[in-house]
Amino acid sequence: MLAVIQRVTRAQVVIDAEVVGSIEQGLLVLVCAERGDTTVQADRLVDKLLKLRVFSDEAGKMNRSVRDAAGGLLIVSQFTLAADVSGGNRPSFTQAAPPDEGRRLYEHVVAQARAQHPRVATGSFGADMQVHLVNDGPVTIPLRIAPG
């Protein structure tokens, strides 16, 4: 699975001029399931999200997790993370999981996050979304959860 994690002071997802998900301080997580991914990778992604130490402690060091910081998670599906532009200028998305599999794994990530963290908001799988955020730092971390 692929993810881009952004530490934010606030973020929201808007669909058809309606806010469908929002958080204050926390992590905006763009998620993409790739072909062959399983719930094992999805579970490892959630574990990493909840333990990733990217929030500052009293000394200003990135030593606190989203749990420690009592922050939210805004989890948004984004198949374009699997884009391959090595063959030209038009992206290919053949490495992205098929839509039904991508939806299943995205929903698994969301369910696992909600089971383990009190503040989880989402976008809507497959929708045309506008994501608004204030990146804090900025801190942006690409993440690949490989099989195994």
C-alpha atoms as a PDB file:
ATOM      1  CA  MET A   1       0.000   0.000   0.000  1.00  0.00           C
ATOM      2  CA  LEU A   2       1.042   3.535  -0.639  1.00  0.00           C
ATOM      3  CA  ALA A   3       0.348   6.552   1.530  1.00  0.00           C
ATOM      4  CA  VAL A   4       1.303  10.181   1.758  1.00  0.00           C
ATOM      5  CA  ILE A   5       1.069  11.434   5.319  1.00  0.00           C
ATOM      6  CA  GLN A   6       0.839  15.146   6.048  1.00  0.00           C
ATOM      7  CA  ARG A   7       0.915  16.670   9.508  1.00  0.00           C
ATOM      8  CA  VAL A   8      -1.797  19.322   9.533  1.00  0.00           C
ATOM      9  CA  THR A   9      -3.213  21.984  11.794  1.00  0.00           C
ATOM     10  CA  ARG A  10      -6.537  21.397  10.019  1.00  0.00           C
ATOM     11  CA  ALA A  11      -7.839  19.601   6.949  1.00  0.00           C
ATOM     12  CA  GLN A  12     -11.150  18.883   5.284  1.00  0.00           C
ATOM     13  CA  VAL A  13     -12.649  17.064   2.329  1.00  0.00           C
ATOM     14  CA  VAL A  14     -15.358  18.767   0.278  1.00  0.00           C
ATOM     15  CA  ILE A  15     -17.654  17.001  -2.197  1.00  0.00           C
ATOM     16  CA  ASP A  16     -20.221  19.006  -4.164  1.00  0.00           C
ATOM     17  CA  ALA A  17     -19.673  22.050  -1.906  1.00  0.00           C
ATOM     18  CA  GLU A  18     -20.352  19.965   1.249  1.00  0.00           C
ATOM     19  CA  VAL A  19     -17.746  19.187   3.899  1.00  0.00           C
ATOM     20  CA  VAL A  20     -17.823  15.394   4.311  1.00  0.00           C
ATOM     21  CA  GLY A  21     -14.837  15.001   6.632  1.00  0.00           C
ATOM     22  CA  SER A  22     -12.652  17.323   8.670  1.00  0.00           C
ATOM     23  CA  ILE A  23     -10.087  17.351  11.455  1.00  0.00           C
ATOM     24  CA  GLU A  24      -8.153  19.918  13.402  1.00  0.00           C
ATOM     25  CA  GLN A  25      -4.566  19.010  14.386  1.00  0.00           C
ATOM     26  CA  GLY A  26      -3.605  15.584  13.131  1.00  0.00           C
ATOM     27  CA  LEU A  27      -2.665  13.629  10.043  1.00  0.00           C
ATOM     28  CA  LEU A  28      -4.105  13.842   6.554  1.00  0.00           C
ATOM     29  CA  VAL A  29      -3.466  10.430   5.005  1.00  0.00           C
ATOM     30  CA  LEU A  30      -3.796   9.853   1.264  1.00  0.00           C
ATOM     31  CA  VAL A  31      -4.090   6.084   0.699  1.00  0.00           C
ATOM     32  CA  CYS A  32      -3.685   3.904  -2.394  1.00  0.00           C
ATOM     33  CA  ALA A  33      -4.037   0.144  -2.565  1.00  0.00           C
ATOM     34  CA  GLU A  34      -1.863  -1.507  -5.181  1.00  0.00           C
ATOM     35  CA  ARG A  35      -2.442  -4.766  -7.038  1.00  0.00           C
ATOM     36  CA  GLY A  36      -1.714  -7.681  -4.748  1.00  0.00           C
ATOM     37  CA  ASP A  37      -2.121  -5.752  -1.505  1.00  0.00           C
ATOM     38  CA  THR A  38      -3.932  -7.508   1.331  1.00  0.00           C
ATOM     39  CA  THR A  39      -5.409  -6.661   4.702  1.00  0.00           C
ATOM     40  CA  VAL A  40      -1.987  -7.472   6.162  1.00  0.00           C
ATOM     41  CA  GLN A  41      -0.535  -4.367   4.493  1.00  0.00           C
ATOM     42  CA  ALA A  42      -3.623  -2.351   5.453  1.00  0.00           C
ATOM     43  CA  ASP A  43      -3.227  -3.341   9.116  1.00  0.00           C
ATOM     44  CA  ARG A  44       0.475  -2.469   9.039  1.00  0.00           C
ATOM     45  CA  LEU A  45      -0.382   0.921   7.542  1.00  0.00           C
ATOM     46  CA  VAL A  46      -2.822   1.708  10.360  1.00  0.00           C
ATOM     47  CA  ASP A  47      -0.267   0.582  12.939  1.00  0.00           C
ATOM     48  CA  LYS A  48       2.344   2.873  11.385  1.00  0.00           C
ATOM     49  CA  LEU A  49      -0.079   5.831  11.260  1.00  0.00           C
ATOM     50  CA  LEU A  50      -0.896   5.530  14.935  1.00  0.00           C
ATOM     51  CA  LYS A  51       2.737   5.137  16.042  1.00  0.00           C
ATOM     52  CA  LEU A  52       4.531   7.515  13.665  1.00  0.00           C
ATOM     53  CA  ARG A  53       6.283  10.137  15.803  1.00  0.00           C
ATOM     54  CA  VAL A  54       5.897  13.369  13.838  1.00  0.00           C
ATOM     55  CA  PHE A  55       4.438  15.708  16.476  1.00  0.00           C
ATOM     56  CA  SER A  56       6.703  17.864  18.605  1.00  0.00           C
ATOM     57  CA  ASP A  57       7.349  17.177  22.268  1.00  0.00           C
ATOM     58  CA  GLU A  58       8.114  19.853  24.879  1.00  0.00           C
ATOM     59  CA  ALA A  59      11.690  20.103  23.568  1.00  0.00           C
ATOM     60  CA  GLY A  60      10.537  20.683  19.991  1.00  0.00           C
ATOM     61  CA  LYS A  61      11.624  17.219  18.806  1.00  0.00           C
ATOM     62  CA  MET A  62       9.357  15.045  16.666  1.00  0.00           C
ATOM     63  CA  ASN A  63       8.745  12.477  19.397  1.00  0.00           C
ATOM     64  CA  ARG A  64       4.959  12.272  19.702  1.00  0.00           C
ATOM     65  CA  SER A  65       2.459  10.190  17.753  1.00  0.00           C
ATOM     66  CA  VAL A  66      -1.012  11.263  16.647  1.00  0.00           C
ATOM     67  CA  ARG A  67      -2.282   9.375  19.704  1.00  0.00           C
ATOM     68  CA  ASP A  68       0.096  11.234  22.020  1.00  0.00           C
ATOM     69  CA  ALA A  69      -0.935  14.542  20.459  1.00  0.00           C
ATOM     70  CA  ALA A  70      -4.666  13.659  20.664  1.00  0.00           C
ATOM     71  CA  GLY A  71      -4.893  14.496  16.972  1.00  0.00           C
ATOM     72  CA  GLY A  72      -7.301  13.357  14.301  1.00  0.00           C
ATOM     73  CA  LEU A  73      -6.881  11.239  11.200  1.00  0.00           C
ATOM     74  CA  LEU A  74      -8.402  12.282   7.891  1.00  0.00           C
ATOM     75  CA  ILE A  75      -8.104   9.276   5.581  1.00  0.00           C
ATOM     76  CA  VAL A  76      -8.655   9.902   1.867  1.00  0.00           C
ATOM     77  CA  SER A  77      -8.477   7.377  -0.974  1.00  0.00           C
ATOM     78  CA  GLN A  78      -6.170   8.427  -3.801  1.00  0.00           C
ATOM     79  CA  PHE A  79      -5.426   5.861  -6.502  1.00  0.00           C
ATOM     80  CA  THR A  80      -3.248   8.374  -8.350  1.00  0.00           C
ATOM     81  CA  LEU A  81      -0.435   7.643  -5.867  1.00  0.00           C
ATOM     82  CA  ALA A  82       0.188   4.545  -8.011  1.00  0.00           C
ATOM     83  CA  ALA A  83       0.852   6.666 -11.096  1.00  0.00           C
ATOM     84  CA  ASP A  84       3.645   5.496 -13.387  1.00  0.00           C
ATOM     85  CA  VAL A  85       4.994   8.133 -15.764  1.00  0.00           C
ATOM     86  CA  SER A  86       8.085   6.221 -16.867  1.00  0.00           C
ATOM     87  CA  GLY A  87       6.538   5.436 -20.255  1.00  0.00           C
ATOM     88  CA  GLY A  88       5.632   8.983 -21.218  1.00  0.00           C
ATOM     89  CA  ASN A  89       3.762  12.036 -20.027  1.00  0.00           C
ATOM     90  CA  ARG A  90       0.357  10.459 -19.485  1.00  0.00           C
ATOM     91  CA  PRO A  91       0.228   8.580 -16.171  1.00  0.00           C
ATOM     92  CA  SER A  92      -0.564   4.888 -16.136  1.00  0.00           C
ATOM     93  CA  PHE A  93      -2.415   3.503 -13.133  1.00  0.00           C
ATOM     94  CA  THR A  94      -2.024  -0.212 -13.871  1.00  0.00           C
ATOM     95  CA  GLN A  95      -0.344  -0.805 -10.493  1.00  0.00           C
ATOM     96  CA  ALA A  96      -3.365   0.541  -8.596  1.00  0.00           C
ATOM     97  CA  ALA A  97      -5.704  -2.118  -7.259  1.00  0.00           C
ATOM     98  CA  PRO A  98      -8.928  -2.593  -9.258  1.00  0.00           C
ATOM     99  CA  PRO A  99     -11.690  -0.330  -7.895  1.00  0.00           C
ATOM    100  CA  ASP A 100     -13.571  -3.041  -5.973  1.00  0.00           C
ATOM    101  CA  GLU A 101     -10.371  -4.272  -4.303  1.00  0.00           C
ATOM    102  CA  GLY A 102      -9.172  -0.721  -3.664  1.00  0.00           C
ATOM    103  CA  ARG A 103     -12.499   0.139  -2.003  1.00  0.00           C
ATOM    104  CA  ARG A 104     -12.396  -2.990   0.159  1.00  0.00           C
ATOM    105  CA  LEU A 105      -8.857  -2.251   1.387  1.00  0.00           C
ATOM    106  CA  TYR A 106      -9.568   1.456   1.904  1.00  0.00           C
ATOM    107  CA  GLU A 107     -12.656   0.610   3.956  1.00  0.00           C
ATOM    108  CA  HIS A 108     -10.575  -1.895   5.942  1.00  0.00           C
ATOM    109  CA  VAL A 109      -8.004   0.815   6.729  1.00  0.00           C
ATOM    110  CA  VAL A 110     -10.777   3.165   7.862  1.00  0.00           C
ATOM    111  CA  ALA A 111     -12.481   0.495   9.994  1.00  0.00           C
ATOM    112  CA  GLN A 112      -9.206  -0.497  11.667  1.00  0.00           C
ATOM    113  CA  ALA A 113      -8.308   3.149  12.318  1.00  0.00           C
ATOM    114  CA  ARG A 114     -11.740   3.812  13.837  1.00  0.00           C
ATOM    115  CA  ALA A 115     -11.437   0.732  16.032  1.00  0.00           C
ATOM    116  CA  GLN A 116      -8.126   2.001  17.431  1.00  0.00           C
ATOM    117  CA  HIS A 117      -8.406   5.805  17.418  1.00  0.00           C
ATOM    118  CA  PRO A 118     -11.215   8.095  18.590  1.00  0.00           C
ATOM    119  CA  ARG A 119     -11.012  10.764  15.858  1.00  0.00           C
ATOM    120  CA  VAL A 120     -11.153   9.457  12.289  1.00  0.00           C
ATOM    121  CA  ALA A 121     -12.751  11.306   9.371  1.00  0.00           C
ATOM    122  CA  THR A 122     -12.775  10.305   5.711  1.00  0.00           C
ATOM    123  CA  GLY A 123     -13.403  11.338   2.178  1.00  0.00           C
ATOM    124  CA  SER A 124     -15.574   9.223  -0.101  1.00  0.00           C
ATOM    125  CA  PHE A 125     -13.993   6.450  -2.157  1.00  0.00           C
ATOM    126  CA  GLY A 126     -14.065   7.223  -5.884  1.00  0.00           C
ATOM    127  CA  ALA A 127     -15.628  10.666  -5.495  1.00  0.00           C
ATOM    128  CA  ASP A 128     -14.356  13.900  -7.029  1.00  0.00           C
ATOM    129  CA  MET A 129     -13.037  15.505  -3.851  1.00  0.00           C
ATOM    130  CA  GLN A 130     -11.423  18.793  -2.968  1.00  0.00           C
ATOM    131  CA  VAL A 131      -8.980  18.411  -0.113  1.00  0.00           C
ATOM    132  CA  HIS A 132      -8.140  21.532   1.859  1.00  0.00           C
ATOM    133  CA  LEU A 133      -5.303  21.474   4.342  1.00  0.00           C
ATOM    134  CA  VAL A 134      -2.875  23.537   6.305  1.00  0.00           C
ATOM    135  CA  ASN A 135       0.329  21.502   6.305  1.00  0.00           C
ATOM    136  CA  ASP A 136       2.098  21.953   9.626  1.00  0.00           C
ATOM    137  CA  GLY A 137       5.868  22.282   9.347  1.00  0.00           C
ATOM    138  CA  PRO A 138       5.524  21.360   6.526  1.00  0.00           C
ATOM    139  CA  VAL A 139       5.800  17.686   7.383  1.00  0.00           C
ATOM    140  CA  THR A 140       5.001  15.341   4.486  1.00  0.00           C
ATOM    141  CA  ILE A 141       6.048  11.697   4.519  1.00  0.00           C
ATOM    142  CA  PRO A 142       5.655   9.199   1.667  1.00  0.00           C
ATOM    143  CA  LEU A 143       5.147   5.652   2.841  1.00  0.00           C
ATOM    144  CA  ARG A 144       5.104   2.275   1.113  1.00  0.00           C
ATOM    145  CA  ILE A 145       3.953  -0.780   3.037  1.00  0.00           C
ATOM    146  CA  ALA A 146       5.462  -3.700   1.130  1.00  0.00           C
ATOM    147  CA  PRO A 147       4.207  -7.281   1.333  1.00  0.00           C
ATOM    148  CA  GLY A 148       5.834  -9.421   3.969  1.00  0.00           C
END
